[in-house]
Amino acid sequence: MNAALTLFLAFTKIGLLSIGGGYAIIPLIHERVVEQAAWVSEQVFADIITISQMTPGPLAVNTSTFVGLWIGGVPGALAATLGAVLGGVILSLLLYRFFEKYRFSAYVNSMLEGLKSASLGLIVSAAVTILLLAFYGSGSPGLHNLLSGLNWAALLIFSASMLALRKWRLNPLLIILLSGLAGVVVYT
């Protein structure tokens, strides 16, 4: 099977299972492209997430596009993007019809409350994955190297960025630029 078709099928499956949106889909993409298929390394995936967050557009679509580009060039990027979006579009259309028909049902409203909680769990899982990739270069560093494997420079840049954002309310674009400059100074 060629790379574009493989990417299309993989990302269609991911798109169909991406309840919770952009950040919630990151663990699904990570599991498929890093752990199962080994198409990209942990470091490449972390770089793709970083670039995807900084470029305009939805995170899940950007991530799918960059993974597809890395694996299969422009045809791979188109296939992965179409696959990721197609599943969501199909599900959205089906769910819209369902919720329009049953919008006053107590069961449906209870189900939505449960889905909100699951979605939050998926988003937190994505945040933890991104933090581990940034601080350890791996999605699962293991207990034996929690301190020894920690990237202290990344932790310092992260902490300074959070402080600048939360305490001094600096513009996020300025924080991104300053973090990039700090990365050049620290990592070169």
C-alpha atoms as a PDB file:
ATOM      1  CA  MET A   1       0.000   0.000   0.000  1.00  0.00           C
ATOM      2  CA  ASN A   2       1.429   3.422  -0.848  1.00  0.00           C
ATOM      3  CA  ALA A   3       2.243   6.015   1.814  1.00  0.00           C
ATOM      4  CA  ALA A   4      -0.571   8.424   0.924  1.00  0.00           C
ATOM      5  CA  LEU A   5      -3.263   5.752   1.171  1.00  0.00           C
ATOM      6  CA  THR A   6      -1.798   4.413   4.419  1.00  0.00           C
ATOM      7  CA  LEU A   7      -1.759   7.941   5.880  1.00  0.00           C
ATOM      8  CA  PHE A   8      -5.296   8.628   4.681  1.00  0.00           C
ATOM      9  CA  LEU A   9      -6.634   5.462   6.323  1.00  0.00           C
ATOM     10  CA  ALA A  10      -4.691   6.005   9.555  1.00  0.00           C
ATOM     11  CA  PHE A  11      -5.806   9.618   9.921  1.00  0.00           C
ATOM     12  CA  THR A  12      -9.393   8.835   8.947  1.00  0.00           C
ATOM     13  CA  LYS A  13      -9.466   6.399  11.858  1.00  0.00           C
ATOM     14  CA  ILE A  14      -7.902   9.003  14.144  1.00  0.00           C
ATOM     15  CA  GLY A  15     -10.387  11.631  12.928  1.00  0.00           C
ATOM     16  CA  LEU A  16     -13.316   9.330  13.625  1.00  0.00           C
ATOM     17  CA  LEU A  17     -12.063   8.729  17.168  1.00  0.00           C
ATOM     18  CA  SER A  18     -11.122  12.323  17.965  1.00  0.00           C
ATOM     19  CA  ILE A  19     -13.829  13.144  20.456  1.00  0.00           C
ATOM     20  CA  GLY A  20     -12.722  16.281  22.259  1.00  0.00           C
ATOM     21  CA  GLY A  21     -11.027  18.219  19.470  1.00  0.00           C
ATOM     22  CA  GLY A  22      -7.488  19.380  18.813  1.00  0.00           C
ATOM     23  CA  TYR A  23      -5.629  18.730  22.051  1.00  0.00           C
ATOM     24  CA  ALA A  24      -7.583  15.547  22.706  1.00  0.00           C
ATOM     25  CA  ILE A  25      -6.459  14.075  19.375  1.00  0.00           C
ATOM     26  CA  ILE A  26      -2.747  14.492  20.125  1.00  0.00           C
ATOM     27  CA  PRO A  27      -2.461  11.290  22.222  1.00  0.00           C
ATOM     28  CA  LEU A  28      -4.212   9.368  19.412  1.00  0.00           C
ATOM     29  CA  ILE A  29      -1.821  10.709  16.793  1.00  0.00           C
ATOM     30  CA  HIS A  30       1.155  10.069  19.088  1.00  0.00           C
ATOM     31  CA  GLU A  31       0.092   6.487  19.733  1.00  0.00           C
ATOM     32  CA  ARG A  32      -0.371   5.768  16.017  1.00  0.00           C
ATOM     33  CA  VAL A  33       2.616   7.530  14.446  1.00  0.00           C
ATOM     34  CA  VAL A  34       5.236   7.158  17.219  1.00  0.00           C
ATOM     35  CA  GLU A  35       4.352   4.066  19.228  1.00  0.00           C
ATOM     36  CA  GLN A  36       2.551   1.779  16.775  1.00  0.00           C
ATOM     37  CA  ALA A  37       3.890   2.597  13.310  1.00  0.00           C
ATOM     38  CA  ALA A  38       7.187   4.250  14.382  1.00  0.00           C
ATOM     39  CA  TRP A  39       6.873   6.659  11.456  1.00  0.00           C
ATOM     40  CA  VAL A  40       8.471   9.469  13.471  1.00  0.00           C
ATOM     41  CA  SER A  41      10.618   9.611  16.592  1.00  0.00           C
ATOM     42  CA  GLU A  42       9.560  11.180  19.892  1.00  0.00           C
ATOM     43  CA  GLN A  43      11.755  14.203  19.131  1.00  0.00           C
ATOM     44  CA  VAL A  44      10.311  14.710  15.637  1.00  0.00           C
ATOM     45  CA  PHE A  45       6.794  14.396  17.052  1.00  0.00           C
ATOM     46  CA  ALA A  46       7.586  16.997  19.732  1.00  0.00           C
ATOM     47  CA  ASP A  47       8.907  19.316  17.005  1.00  0.00           C
ATOM     48  CA  ILE A  48       5.771  18.734  14.910  1.00  0.00           C
ATOM     49  CA  ILE A  49       3.550  19.600  17.889  1.00  0.00           C
ATOM     50  CA  THR A  50       5.562  22.763  18.524  1.00  0.00           C
ATOM     51  CA  ILE A  51       5.280  23.893  14.914  1.00  0.00           C
ATOM     52  CA  SER A  52       1.595  22.930  14.769  1.00  0.00           C
ATOM     53  CA  GLN A  53       0.819  25.082  17.795  1.00  0.00           C
ATOM     54  CA  MET A  54       2.595  28.073  16.309  1.00  0.00           C
ATOM     55  CA  THR A  55       1.002  27.963  12.861  1.00  0.00           C
ATOM     56  CA  PRO A  56      -2.495  29.276  12.123  1.00  0.00           C
ATOM     57  CA  GLY A  57      -5.272  26.729  12.078  1.00  0.00           C
ATOM     58  CA  PRO A  58      -6.583  23.901  14.229  1.00  0.00           C
ATOM     59  CA  LEU A  59      -3.941  21.919  16.101  1.00  0.00           C
ATOM     60  CA  ALA A  60      -5.198  18.508  14.971  1.00  0.00           C
ATOM     61  CA  VAL A  61      -5.268  19.541  11.312  1.00  0.00           C
ATOM     62  CA  ASN A  62      -1.826  21.147  11.486  1.00  0.00           C
ATOM     63  CA  THR A  63      -0.365  18.122  13.259  1.00  0.00           C
ATOM     64  CA  SER A  64      -1.891  15.760  10.696  1.00  0.00           C
ATOM     65  CA  THR A  65      -0.549  17.878   7.867  1.00  0.00           C
ATOM     66  CA  PHE A  66       2.994  18.039   9.268  1.00  0.00           C
ATOM     67  CA  VAL A  67       3.078  14.312  10.072  1.00  0.00           C
ATOM     68  CA  GLY A  68       1.846  13.539   6.552  1.00  0.00           C
ATOM     69  CA  LEU A  69       4.429  15.900   5.060  1.00  0.00           C
ATOM     70  CA  TRP A  70       7.212  14.270   7.095  1.00  0.00           C
ATOM     71  CA  ILE A  71       6.211  10.753   6.077  1.00  0.00           C
ATOM     72  CA  GLY A  72       4.917  11.128   2.532  1.00  0.00           C
ATOM     73  CA  GLY A  73       5.753  14.604   1.255  1.00  0.00           C
ATOM     74  CA  VAL A  74       2.998  16.793  -0.196  1.00  0.00           C
ATOM     75  CA  PRO A  75       0.781  13.814  -1.202  1.00  0.00           C
ATOM     76  CA  GLY A  76       1.162  12.464   2.345  1.00  0.00           C
ATOM     77  CA  ALA A  77       0.274  15.839   3.851  1.00  0.00           C
ATOM     78  CA  LEU A  78      -2.863  16.077   1.703  1.00  0.00           C
ATOM     79  CA  ALA A  79      -3.882  12.502   2.508  1.00  0.00           C
ATOM     80  CA  ALA A  80      -3.339  12.837   6.278  1.00  0.00           C
ATOM     81  CA  THR A  81      -5.132  16.185   6.414  1.00  0.00           C
ATOM     82  CA  LEU A  82      -8.078  14.960   4.378  1.00  0.00           C
ATOM     83  CA  GLY A  83      -8.302  11.806   6.485  1.00  0.00           C
ATOM     84  CA  ALA A  84      -8.244  13.723   9.775  1.00  0.00           C
ATOM     85  CA  VAL A  85     -10.845  16.235   8.627  1.00  0.00           C
ATOM     86  CA  LEU A  86     -13.127  13.809   6.800  1.00  0.00           C
ATOM     87  CA  GLY A  87     -13.841  11.741   9.903  1.00  0.00           C
ATOM     88  CA  GLY A  88     -14.717  14.835  11.923  1.00  0.00           C
ATOM     89  CA  VAL A  89     -16.954  16.235   9.196  1.00  0.00           C
ATOM     90  CA  ILE A  90     -18.848  12.964   8.837  1.00  0.00           C
ATOM     91  CA  LEU A  91     -19.253  12.618  12.608  1.00  0.00           C
ATOM     92  CA  SER A  92     -20.314  16.251  12.967  1.00  0.00           C
ATOM     93  CA  LEU A  93     -23.031  15.850  10.353  1.00  0.00           C
ATOM     94  CA  LEU A  94     -24.329  12.646  11.945  1.00  0.00           C
ATOM     95  CA  LEU A  95     -24.181  14.058  15.475  1.00  0.00           C
ATOM     96  CA  TYR A  96     -25.901  17.276  14.413  1.00  0.00           C
ATOM     97  CA  ARG A  97     -28.846  15.297  13.087  1.00  0.00           C
ATOM     98  CA  PHE A  98     -28.922  13.147  16.225  1.00  0.00           C
ATOM     99  CA  PHE A  99     -28.786  16.092  18.651  1.00  0.00           C
ATOM    100  CA  GLU A 100     -31.361  18.052  16.692  1.00  0.00           C
ATOM    101  CA  LYS A 101     -33.753  15.115  16.957  1.00  0.00           C
ATOM    102  CA  TYR A 102     -33.097  14.411  20.660  1.00  0.00           C
ATOM    103  CA  ARG A 103     -32.032  17.804  22.017  1.00  0.00           C
ATOM    104  CA  PHE A 104     -34.634  17.757  24.810  1.00  0.00           C
ATOM    105  CA  SER A 105     -33.832  14.241  26.003  1.00  0.00           C
ATOM    106  CA  ALA A 106     -32.523  13.997  29.561  1.00  0.00           C
ATOM    107  CA  TYR A 107     -30.471  10.956  28.511  1.00  0.00           C
ATOM    108  CA  VAL A 108     -28.763  12.824  25.704  1.00  0.00           C
ATOM    109  CA  ASN A 109     -28.003  15.770  27.989  1.00  0.00           C
ATOM    110  CA  SER A 110     -26.556  13.357  30.579  1.00  0.00           C
ATOM    111  CA  MET A 111     -24.474  11.724  27.869  1.00  0.00           C
ATOM    112  CA  LEU A 112     -23.102  15.148  26.890  1.00  0.00           C
ATOM    113  CA  GLU A 113     -22.044  15.766  30.480  1.00  0.00           C
ATOM    114  CA  GLY A 114     -20.133  12.482  30.445  1.00  0.00           C
ATOM    115  CA  LEU A 115     -18.517  13.378  27.119  1.00  0.00           C
ATOM    116  CA  LYS A 116     -17.382  16.734  28.527  1.00  0.00           C
ATOM    117  CA  SER A 117     -15.567  14.929  31.324  1.00  0.00           C
ATOM    118  CA  ALA A 118     -13.963  12.456  28.920  1.00  0.00           C
ATOM    119  CA  SER A 119     -12.937  15.316  26.642  1.00  0.00           C
ATOM    120  CA  LEU A 120     -11.272  17.100  29.546  1.00  0.00           C
ATOM    121  CA  GLY A 121      -9.381  13.902  30.410  1.00  0.00           C
ATOM    122  CA  LEU A 122      -8.144  13.631  26.826  1.00  0.00           C
ATOM    123  CA  ILE A 123      -7.020  17.262  26.815  1.00  0.00           C
ATOM    124  CA  VAL A 124      -5.128  16.807  30.102  1.00  0.00           C
ATOM    125  CA  SER A 125      -3.532  13.653  28.682  1.00  0.00           C
ATOM    126  CA  ALA A 126      -2.376  15.647  25.648  1.00  0.00           C
ATOM    127  CA  ALA A 127      -0.940  18.340  27.915  1.00  0.00           C
ATOM    128  CA  VAL A 128       0.969  15.730  29.923  1.00  0.00           C
ATOM    129  CA  THR A 129       2.287  14.155  26.705  1.00  0.00           C
ATOM    130  CA  ILE A 130       3.499  17.546  25.446  1.00  0.00           C
ATOM    131  CA  LEU A 131       5.124  18.348  28.805  1.00  0.00           C
ATOM    132  CA  LEU A 132       6.908  14.992  28.916  1.00  0.00           C
ATOM    133  CA  LEU A 133       8.128  15.405  25.345  1.00  0.00           C
ATOM    134  CA  ALA A 134       9.422  18.889  26.131  1.00  0.00           C
ATOM    135  CA  PHE A 135      11.017  18.042  29.470  1.00  0.00           C
ATOM    136  CA  TYR A 136      12.277  14.511  28.757  1.00  0.00           C
ATOM    137  CA  GLY A 137      12.222  14.049  24.979  1.00  0.00           C
ATOM    138  CA  SER A 138       9.934  11.047  25.506  1.00  0.00           C
ATOM    139  CA  GLY A 139       6.247  10.484  26.138  1.00  0.00           C
ATOM    140  CA  SER A 140       7.085   8.116  28.998  1.00  0.00           C
ATOM    141  CA  PRO A 141      10.386   8.866  30.782  1.00  0.00           C
ATOM    142  CA  GLY A 142      10.053   6.233  33.507  1.00  0.00           C
ATOM    143  CA  LEU A 143      10.409   6.756  37.235  1.00  0.00           C
ATOM    144  CA  HIS A 144      14.127   5.896  37.326  1.00  0.00           C
ATOM    145  CA  ASN A 145      15.172   9.090  35.548  1.00  0.00           C
ATOM    146  CA  LEU A 146      12.671  11.701  36.674  1.00  0.00           C
ATOM    147  CA  LEU A 147      15.418  14.051  37.823  1.00  0.00           C
ATOM    148  CA  SER A 148      18.411  12.817  35.852  1.00  0.00           C
ATOM    149  CA  GLY A 149      16.584  12.827  32.514  1.00  0.00           C
ATOM    150  CA  LEU A 150      14.925  16.198  33.040  1.00  0.00           C
ATOM    151  CA  ASN A 151      15.808  18.907  30.533  1.00  0.00           C
ATOM    152  CA  TRP A 152      16.428  21.718  33.011  1.00  0.00           C
ATOM    153  CA  ALA A 153      16.747  24.357  30.292  1.00  0.00           C
ATOM    154  CA  ALA A 154      13.316  23.452  28.929  1.00  0.00           C
ATOM    155  CA  LEU A 155      11.872  23.608  32.454  1.00  0.00           C
ATOM    156  CA  LEU A 156      13.422  27.039  32.995  1.00  0.00           C
ATOM    157  CA  ILE A 157      12.123  28.420  29.673  1.00  0.00           C
ATOM    158  CA  PHE A 158       8.679  26.930  30.399  1.00  0.00           C
ATOM    159  CA  SER A 159       8.595  28.417  33.907  1.00  0.00           C
ATOM    160  CA  ALA A 160       9.731  31.841  32.706  1.00  0.00           C
ATOM    161  CA  SER A 161       7.109  31.766  29.938  1.00  0.00           C
ATOM    162  CA  MET A 162       4.340  30.835  32.372  1.00  0.00           C
ATOM    163  CA  LEU A 163       5.440  33.573  34.758  1.00  0.00           C
ATOM    164  CA  ALA A 164       5.573  36.166  31.976  1.00  0.00           C
ATOM    165  CA  LEU A 165       2.157  35.141  30.734  1.00  0.00           C
ATOM    166  CA  ARG A 166       0.352  34.810  34.064  1.00  0.00           C
ATOM    167  CA  LYS A 167       1.995  37.523  36.190  1.00  0.00           C
ATOM    168  CA  TRP A 168       2.969  40.221  33.689  1.00  0.00           C
ATOM    169  CA  ARG A 169       0.396  39.345  31.017  1.00  0.00           C
ATOM    170  CA  LEU A 170       2.940  39.640  28.210  1.00  0.00           C
ATOM    171  CA  ASN A 171       1.670  39.136  24.703  1.00  0.00           C
ATOM    172  CA  PRO A 172       1.857  35.423  23.765  1.00  0.00           C
ATOM    173  CA  LEU A 173       3.621  36.287  20.487  1.00  0.00           C
ATOM    174  CA  LEU A 174       6.320  38.116  22.412  1.00  0.00           C
ATOM    175  CA  ILE A 175       6.688  35.123  24.746  1.00  0.00           C
ATOM    176  CA  ILE A 176       7.030  32.795  21.736  1.00  0.00           C
ATOM    177  CA  LEU A 177       9.714  35.039  20.214  1.00  0.00           C
ATOM    178  CA  LEU A 178      11.605  35.353  23.497  1.00  0.00           C
ATOM    179  CA  SER A 179      11.365  31.587  24.076  1.00  0.00           C
ATOM    180  CA  GLY A 180      12.725  30.961  20.593  1.00  0.00           C
ATOM    181  CA  LEU A 181      15.638  33.310  21.264  1.00  0.00           C
ATOM    182  CA  ALA A 182      16.278  31.602  24.603  1.00  0.00           C
ATOM    183  CA  GLY A 183      16.285  28.261  22.784  1.00  0.00           C
ATOM    184  CA  VAL A 184      18.909  29.554  20.346  1.00  0.00           C
ATOM    185  CA  VAL A 185      21.083  30.742  23.225  1.00  0.00           C
ATOM    186  CA  VAL A 186      20.673  27.625  25.370  1.00  0.00           C
ATOM    187  CA  TYR A 187      20.703  24.874  22.730  1.00  0.00           C
ATOM    188  CA  THR A 188      23.405  26.098  20.324  1.00  0.00           C
END
